[in-house]
PDB file of all heavy atoms in Angstrom:
ATOM      1  N   PRO A   1       0.368   9.246   8.276  1.00  0.00           N
ATOM      2  CA  PRO A   1       0.446   7.793   8.459  1.00  0.00           C
ATOM      3  C   PRO A   1      -0.897   7.156   8.843  1.00  0.00           C
ATOM      4  O   PRO A   1      -1.216   6.074   8.375  1.00  0.00           O
ATOM      5  CB  PRO A   1       1.477   7.622   9.571  1.00  0.00           C
ATOM      6  CG  PRO A   1       2.305   8.862   9.516  1.00  0.00           C
ATOM      7  CD  PRO A   1       1.378   9.947   9.064  1.00  0.00           C
ATOM      8  N   LYS A   2      -1.679   7.839   9.693  1.00  0.00           N
ATOM      9  CA  LYS A   2      -2.982   7.279  10.092  1.00  0.00           C
ATOM     10  C   LYS A   2      -3.892   7.127   8.881  1.00  0.00           C
ATOM     11  O   LYS A   2      -4.541   6.095   8.697  1.00  0.00           O
ATOM     12  CB  LYS A   2      -3.650   8.160  11.140  1.00  0.00           C
ATOM     13  CG  LYS A   2      -5.026   7.637  11.526  1.00  0.00           C
ATOM     14  CD  LYS A   2      -5.771   8.579  12.437  1.00  0.00           C
ATOM     15  CE  LYS A   2      -7.192   8.066  12.631  1.00  0.00           C
ATOM     16  NZ  LYS A   2      -8.092   9.081  13.084  1.00  0.00           N
ATOM     17  N   ALA A   3      -3.948   8.141   8.035  1.00  0.00           N
ATOM     18  CA  ALA A   3      -4.800   8.077   6.844  1.00  0.00           C
ATOM     19  C   ALA A   3      -4.358   6.938   5.927  1.00  0.00           C
ATOM     20  O   ALA A   3      -5.197   6.208   5.379  1.00  0.00           O
ATOM     21  CB  ALA A   3      -4.777   9.406   6.104  1.00  0.00           C
ATOM     22  N   VAL A   4      -3.046   6.752   5.774  1.00  0.00           N
ATOM     23  CA  VAL A   4      -2.536   5.672   4.923  1.00  0.00           C
ATOM     24  C   VAL A   4      -2.922   4.316   5.513  1.00  0.00           C
ATOM     25  O   VAL A   4      -3.317   3.405   4.784  1.00  0.00           O
ATOM     26  CB  VAL A   4      -1.014   5.802   4.706  1.00  0.00           C
ATOM     27  CG1 VAL A   4      -0.445   4.579   3.996  1.00  0.00           C
ATOM     28  CG2 VAL A   4      -0.701   7.069   3.910  1.00  0.00           C
ATOM     29  N   ARG A   5      -2.831   4.180   6.852  1.00  0.00           N
ATOM     30  CA  ARG A   5      -3.239   2.913   7.493  1.00  0.00           C
ATOM     31  C   ARG A   5      -4.729   2.633   7.258  1.00  0.00           C
ATOM     32  O   ARG A   5      -5.122   1.510   6.938  1.00  0.00           O
ATOM     33  CB  ARG A   5      -2.951   2.950   8.992  1.00  0.00           C
ATOM     34  CG  ARG A   5      -1.492   2.755   9.356  1.00  0.00           C
ATOM     35  CD  ARG A   5      -1.286   2.509  10.852  1.00  0.00           C
ATOM     36  NE  ARG A   5      -1.838   3.540  11.705  1.00  0.00           N
ATOM     37  CZ  ARG A   5      -1.207   4.662  12.051  1.00  0.00           C
ATOM     38  NH1 ARG A   5       0.016   4.898  11.603  1.00  0.00           N
ATOM     39  NH2 ARG A   5      -1.778   5.542  12.842  1.00  0.00           N
ATOM     40  N   VAL A   6      -5.568   3.647   7.415  1.00  0.00           N
ATOM     41  CA  VAL A   6      -7.013   3.478   7.215  1.00  0.00           C
ATOM     42  C   VAL A   6      -7.292   3.123   5.751  1.00  0.00           C
ATOM     43  O   VAL A   6      -8.101   2.235   5.464  1.00  0.00           O
ATOM     44  CB  VAL A   6      -7.782   4.751   7.645  1.00  0.00           C
ATOM     45  CG1 VAL A   6      -9.245   4.674   7.227  1.00  0.00           C
ATOM     46  CG2 VAL A   6      -7.664   4.968   9.151  1.00  0.00           C
ATOM     47  N   LEU A   7      -6.622   3.801   4.834  1.00  0.00           N
ATOM     48  CA  LEU A   7      -6.810   3.501   3.412  1.00  0.00           C
ATOM     49  C   LEU A   7      -6.376   2.073   3.096  1.00  0.00           C
ATOM     50  O   LEU A   7      -7.068   1.343   2.379  1.00  0.00           O
ATOM     51  CB  LEU A   7      -6.028   4.495   2.547  1.00  0.00           C
ATOM     52  CG  LEU A   7      -6.616   5.901   2.473  1.00  0.00           C
ATOM     53  CD1 LEU A   7      -5.598   6.869   1.884  1.00  0.00           C
ATOM     54  CD2 LEU A   7      -7.906   5.909   1.665  1.00  0.00           C
ATOM     55  N   ALA A   8      -5.222   1.656   3.635  1.00  0.00           N
ATOM     56  CA  ALA A   8      -4.721   0.304   3.383  1.00  0.00           C
ATOM     57  C   ALA A   8      -5.707  -0.746   3.907  1.00  0.00           C
ATOM     58  O   ALA A   8      -5.981  -1.740   3.232  1.00  0.00           O
ATOM     59  CB  ALA A   8      -3.344   0.119   4.021  1.00  0.00           C
ATOM     60  N   ALA A   9      -6.256  -0.510   5.105  1.00  0.00           N
ATOM     61  CA  ALA A   9      -7.220  -1.461   5.684  1.00  0.00           C
ATOM     62  C   ALA A   9      -8.501  -1.515   4.851  1.00  0.00           C
ATOM     63  O   ALA A   9      -9.044  -2.592   4.604  1.00  0.00           O
ATOM     64  CB  ALA A   9      -7.536  -1.073   7.129  1.00  0.00           C
ATOM     65  N   THR A  10      -8.970  -0.358   4.407  1.00  0.00           N
ATOM     66  CA  THR A  10     -10.192  -0.307   3.604  1.00  0.00           C
ATOM     67  C   THR A  10      -9.965  -0.969   2.244  1.00  0.00           C
ATOM     68  O   THR A  10     -10.831  -1.697   1.747  1.00  0.00           O
ATOM     69  CB  THR A  10     -10.660   1.152   3.427  1.00  0.00           C
ATOM     70  OG1 THR A  10     -10.795   1.754   4.713  1.00  0.00           O
ATOM     71  CG2 THR A  10     -11.989   1.220   2.698  1.00  0.00           C
ATOM     72  N   LEU A  11      -8.795  -0.722   1.652  1.00  0.00           N
ATOM     73  CA  LEU A  11      -8.462  -1.378   0.386  1.00  0.00           C
ATOM     74  C   LEU A  11      -8.404  -2.893   0.559  1.00  0.00           C
ATOM     75  O   LEU A  11      -8.891  -3.643  -0.291  1.00  0.00           O
ATOM     76  CB  LEU A  11      -7.130  -0.848  -0.150  1.00  0.00           C
ATOM     77  CG  LEU A  11      -7.159   0.548  -0.765  1.00  0.00           C
ATOM     78  CD1 LEU A  11      -5.751   1.078  -0.954  1.00  0.00           C
ATOM     79  CD2 LEU A  11      -7.915   0.555  -2.073  1.00  0.00           C
ATOM     80  N   ALA A  12      -7.813  -3.349   1.661  1.00  0.00           N
ATOM     81  CA  ALA A  12      -7.704  -4.789   1.921  1.00  0.00           C
ATOM     82  C   ALA A  12      -9.081  -5.432   2.006  1.00  0.00           C
ATOM     83  O   ALA A  12      -9.278  -6.546   1.511  1.00  0.00           O
ATOM     84  CB  ALA A  12      -6.910  -5.038   3.199  1.00  0.00           C
ATOM     85  N   GLU A  13     -10.050  -4.723   2.594  1.00  0.00           N
ATOM     86  CA  GLU A  13     -11.422  -5.234   2.677  1.00  0.00           C
ATOM     87  C   GLU A  13     -12.018  -5.439   1.285  1.00  0.00           C
ATOM     88  O   GLU A  13     -12.887  -6.290   1.097  1.00  0.00           O
ATOM     89  CB  GLU A  13     -12.301  -4.283   3.479  1.00  0.00           C
ATOM     90  CG  GLU A  13     -11.988  -4.236   4.954  1.00  0.00           C
ATOM     91  CD  GLU A  13     -12.728  -3.118   5.684  1.00  0.00           C
ATOM     92  OE1 GLU A  13     -13.606  -2.461   5.079  1.00  0.00           O
ATOM     93  OE2 GLU A  13     -12.411  -2.908   6.872  1.00  0.00           O
ATOM     94  N   LYS A  14     -11.570  -4.670   0.319  1.00  0.00           N
ATOM     95  CA  LYS A  14     -12.047  -4.780  -1.061  1.00  0.00           C
ATOM     96  C   LYS A  14     -11.168  -5.703  -1.905  1.00  0.00           C
ATOM     97  O   LYS A  14     -11.371  -5.823  -3.104  1.00  0.00           O
ATOM     98  CB  LYS A  14     -12.066  -3.399  -1.728  1.00  0.00           C
ATOM     99  CG  LYS A  14     -13.149  -2.484  -1.240  1.00  0.00           C
ATOM    100  CD  LYS A  14     -13.173  -1.192  -2.046  1.00  0.00           C
ATOM    101  CE  LYS A  14     -13.642  -1.484  -3.455  1.00  0.00           C
ATOM    102  NZ  LYS A  14     -13.856  -0.300  -4.285  1.00  0.00           N
ATOM    103  N   GLY A  15     -10.151  -6.295  -1.273  1.00  0.00           N
ATOM    104  CA  GLY A  15      -9.237  -7.161  -2.006  1.00  0.00           C
ATOM    105  C   GLY A  15      -8.191  -6.391  -2.803  1.00  0.00           C
ATOM    106  O   GLY A  15      -7.592  -6.928  -3.727  1.00  0.00           O
ATOM    107  N   LEU A  16      -7.983  -5.138  -2.429  1.00  0.00           N
ATOM    108  CA  LEU A  16      -6.996  -4.293  -3.102  1.00  0.00           C
ATOM    109  C   LEU A  16      -5.879  -3.943  -2.128  1.00  0.00           C
ATOM    110  O   LEU A  16      -5.965  -4.234  -0.948  1.00  0.00           O
ATOM    111  CB  LEU A  16      -7.655  -2.999  -3.599  1.00  0.00           C
ATOM    112  CG  LEU A  16      -8.758  -3.143  -4.637  1.00  0.00           C
ATOM    113  CD1 LEU A  16      -9.470  -1.817  -4.847  1.00  0.00           C
ATOM    114  CD2 LEU A  16      -8.180  -3.650  -5.952  1.00  0.00           C
ATOM    115  N   ASP A  17      -4.847  -3.294  -2.643  1.00  0.00           N
ATOM    116  CA  ASP A  17      -3.732  -2.869  -1.802  1.00  0.00           C
ATOM    117  C   ASP A  17      -3.154  -1.590  -2.370  1.00  0.00           C
ATOM    118  O   ASP A  17      -3.347  -1.280  -3.556  1.00  0.00           O
ATOM    119  CB  ASP A  17      -2.655  -3.958  -1.771  1.00  0.00           C
ATOM    120  CG  ASP A  17      -1.679  -3.795  -0.621  1.00  0.00           C
ATOM    121  OD1 ASP A  17      -1.857  -2.871   0.196  1.00  0.00           O
ATOM    122  OD2 ASP A  17      -0.731  -4.586  -0.540  1.00  0.00           O
ATOM    123  N   ILE A  18      -2.451  -0.862  -1.550  1.00  0.00           N
ATOM    124  CA  ILE A  18      -1.710   0.310  -2.018  1.00  0.00           C
ATOM    125  C   ILE A  18      -0.606  -0.198  -2.935  1.00  0.00           C
ATOM    126  O   ILE A  18      -0.023  -1.262  -2.695  1.00  0.00           O
ATOM    127  CB  ILE A  18      -1.143   1.089  -0.813  1.00  0.00           C
ATOM    128  CG1 ILE A  18      -2.301   1.726  -0.033  1.00  0.00           C
ATOM    129  CG2 ILE A  18      -0.136   2.136  -1.247  1.00  0.00           C
ATOM    130  CD1 ILE A  18      -1.899   2.405   1.254  1.00  0.00           C
ATOM    131  N   ALA A  19      -0.313   0.530  -3.997  1.00  0.00           N
ATOM    132  CA  ALA A  19       0.702   0.110  -4.967  1.00  0.00           C
ATOM    133  C   ALA A  19       2.032  -0.114  -4.259  1.00  0.00           C
ATOM    134  O   ALA A  19       2.388   0.632  -3.349  1.00  0.00           O
ATOM    135  CB  ALA A  19       0.850   1.166  -6.062  1.00  0.00           C
ATOM    136  N   PRO A  20       2.767  -1.119  -4.692  1.00  0.00           N
ATOM    137  CA  PRO A  20       4.077  -1.361  -4.066  1.00  0.00           C
ATOM    138  C   PRO A  20       5.055  -0.245  -4.429  1.00  0.00           C
ATOM    139  O   PRO A  20       4.941   0.380  -5.479  1.00  0.00           O
ATOM    140  CB  PRO A  20       4.519  -2.701  -4.661  1.00  0.00           C
ATOM    141  CG  PRO A  20       3.721  -2.854  -5.917  1.00  0.00           C
ATOM    142  CD  PRO A  20       2.449  -2.075  -5.727  1.00  0.00           C
ATOM    143  N   ALA A  21       6.003  -0.031  -3.543  1.00  0.00           N
ATOM    144  CA  ALA A  21       7.042   0.977  -3.787  1.00  0.00           C
ATOM    145  C   ALA A  21       7.892   0.533  -4.966  1.00  0.00           C
ATOM    146  O   ALA A  21       8.021  -0.660  -5.241  1.00  0.00           O
ATOM    147  CB  ALA A  21       7.902   1.162  -2.546  1.00  0.00           C
ATOM    148  N   GLU A  22       8.457   1.502  -5.659  1.00  0.00           N
ATOM    149  CA  GLU A  22       9.367   1.194  -6.770  1.00  0.00           C
ATOM    150  C   GLU A  22      10.526   0.377  -6.226  1.00  0.00           C
ATOM    151  O   GLU A  22      11.119   0.754  -5.216  1.00  0.00           O
ATOM    152  CB  GLU A  22       9.892   2.492  -7.384  1.00  0.00           C
ATOM    153  CG  GLU A  22       8.816   3.361  -7.995  1.00  0.00           C
ATOM    154  CD  GLU A  22       8.391   2.883  -9.361  1.00  0.00           C
ATOM    155  OE1 GLU A  22       9.246   2.340 -10.092  1.00  0.00           O
ATOM    156  OE2 GLU A  22       7.211   3.026  -9.685  1.00  0.00           O
ATOM    157  N   PRO A  23      10.883  -0.723  -6.891  1.00  0.00           N
ATOM    158  CA  PRO A  23      12.041  -1.491  -6.407  1.00  0.00           C
ATOM    159  C   PRO A  23      13.323  -0.688  -6.589  1.00  0.00           C
ATOM    160  O   PRO A  23      13.476   0.036  -7.558  1.00  0.00           O
ATOM    161  CB  PRO A  23      12.048  -2.741  -7.291  1.00  0.00           C
ATOM    162  CG  PRO A  23      11.224  -2.395  -8.484  1.00  0.00           C
ATOM    163  CD  PRO A  23      10.280  -1.300  -8.066  1.00  0.00           C
ATOM    164  N   ARG A  24      14.187  -0.820  -5.608  1.00  0.00           N
ATOM    165  CA  ARG A  24      15.486  -0.133  -5.699  1.00  0.00           C
ATOM    166  C   ARG A  24      16.345  -0.836  -6.727  1.00  0.00           C
ATOM    167  O   ARG A  24      16.274  -2.042  -6.891  1.00  0.00           O
ATOM    168  CB  ARG A  24      16.178  -0.134  -4.344  1.00  0.00           C
ATOM    169  CG  ARG A  24      15.458   0.764  -3.359  1.00  0.00           C
ATOM    170  CD  ARG A  24      16.086   0.745  -2.015  1.00  0.00           C
ATOM    171  NE  ARG A  24      17.515   1.010  -2.114  1.00  0.00           N
ATOM    172  CZ  ARG A  24      18.341   0.954  -1.090  1.00  0.00           C
ATOM    173  NH1 ARG A  24      17.882   0.647   0.093  1.00  0.00           N
ATOM    174  NH2 ARG A  24      19.621   1.206  -1.229  1.00  0.00           N
ATOM    175  N   ASP A  25      17.176  -0.105  -7.392  1.00  0.00           N
ATOM    176  CA  ASP A  25      18.088  -0.663  -8.384  1.00  0.00           C
ATOM    177  C   ASP A  25      19.216  -1.380  -7.642  1.00  0.00           C
ATOM    178  O   ASP A  25      20.006  -0.753  -6.952  1.00  0.00           O
ATOM    179  CB  ASP A  25      18.649   0.463  -9.260  1.00  0.00           C
ATOM    180  CG  ASP A  25      19.407  -0.068 -10.470  1.00  0.00           C
ATOM    181  OD1 ASP A  25      19.931  -1.201 -10.387  1.00  0.00           O
ATOM    182  OD2 ASP A  25      19.465   0.656 -11.474  1.00  0.00           O
ATOM    183  N   ALA A  26      19.297  -2.702  -7.798  1.00  0.00           N
ATOM    184  CA  ALA A  26      20.278  -3.524  -7.077  1.00  0.00           C
ATOM    185  C   ALA A  26      21.717  -3.139  -7.406  1.00  0.00           C
ATOM    186  O   ALA A  26      22.616  -3.358  -6.618  1.00  0.00           O
ATOM    187  CB  ALA A  26      20.050  -4.996  -7.371  1.00  0.00           C
ATOM    188  N   ARG A  27      21.929  -2.543  -8.593  1.00  0.00           N
ATOM    189  CA  ARG A  27      23.297  -2.164  -8.948  1.00  0.00           C
ATOM    190  C   ARG A  27      23.841  -1.103  -7.994  1.00  0.00           C
ATOM    191  O   ARG A  27      25.033  -0.976  -7.833  1.00  0.00           O
ATOM    192  CB  ARG A  27      23.332  -1.603 -10.379  1.00  0.00           C
ATOM    193  CG  ARG A  27      23.027  -2.633 -11.441  1.00  0.00           C
ATOM    194  CD  ARG A  27      22.975  -1.987 -12.792  1.00  0.00           C
ATOM    195  NE  ARG A  27      21.912  -0.979 -12.771  1.00  0.00           N
ATOM    196  CZ  ARG A  27      21.718  -0.093 -13.728  1.00  0.00           C
ATOM    197  NH1 ARG A  27      22.502  -0.027 -14.753  1.00  0.00           N
ATOM    198  NH2 ARG A  27      20.712   0.762 -13.653  1.00  0.00           N
TER     199      ARG A  27
END
């Protein structure tokens, strides 16, 4: 989790983000 937080913050500084999770099938 710490590495993911650091990566997310660093990506945000570059105007990027970690890919969104696959949406769940509403059905």
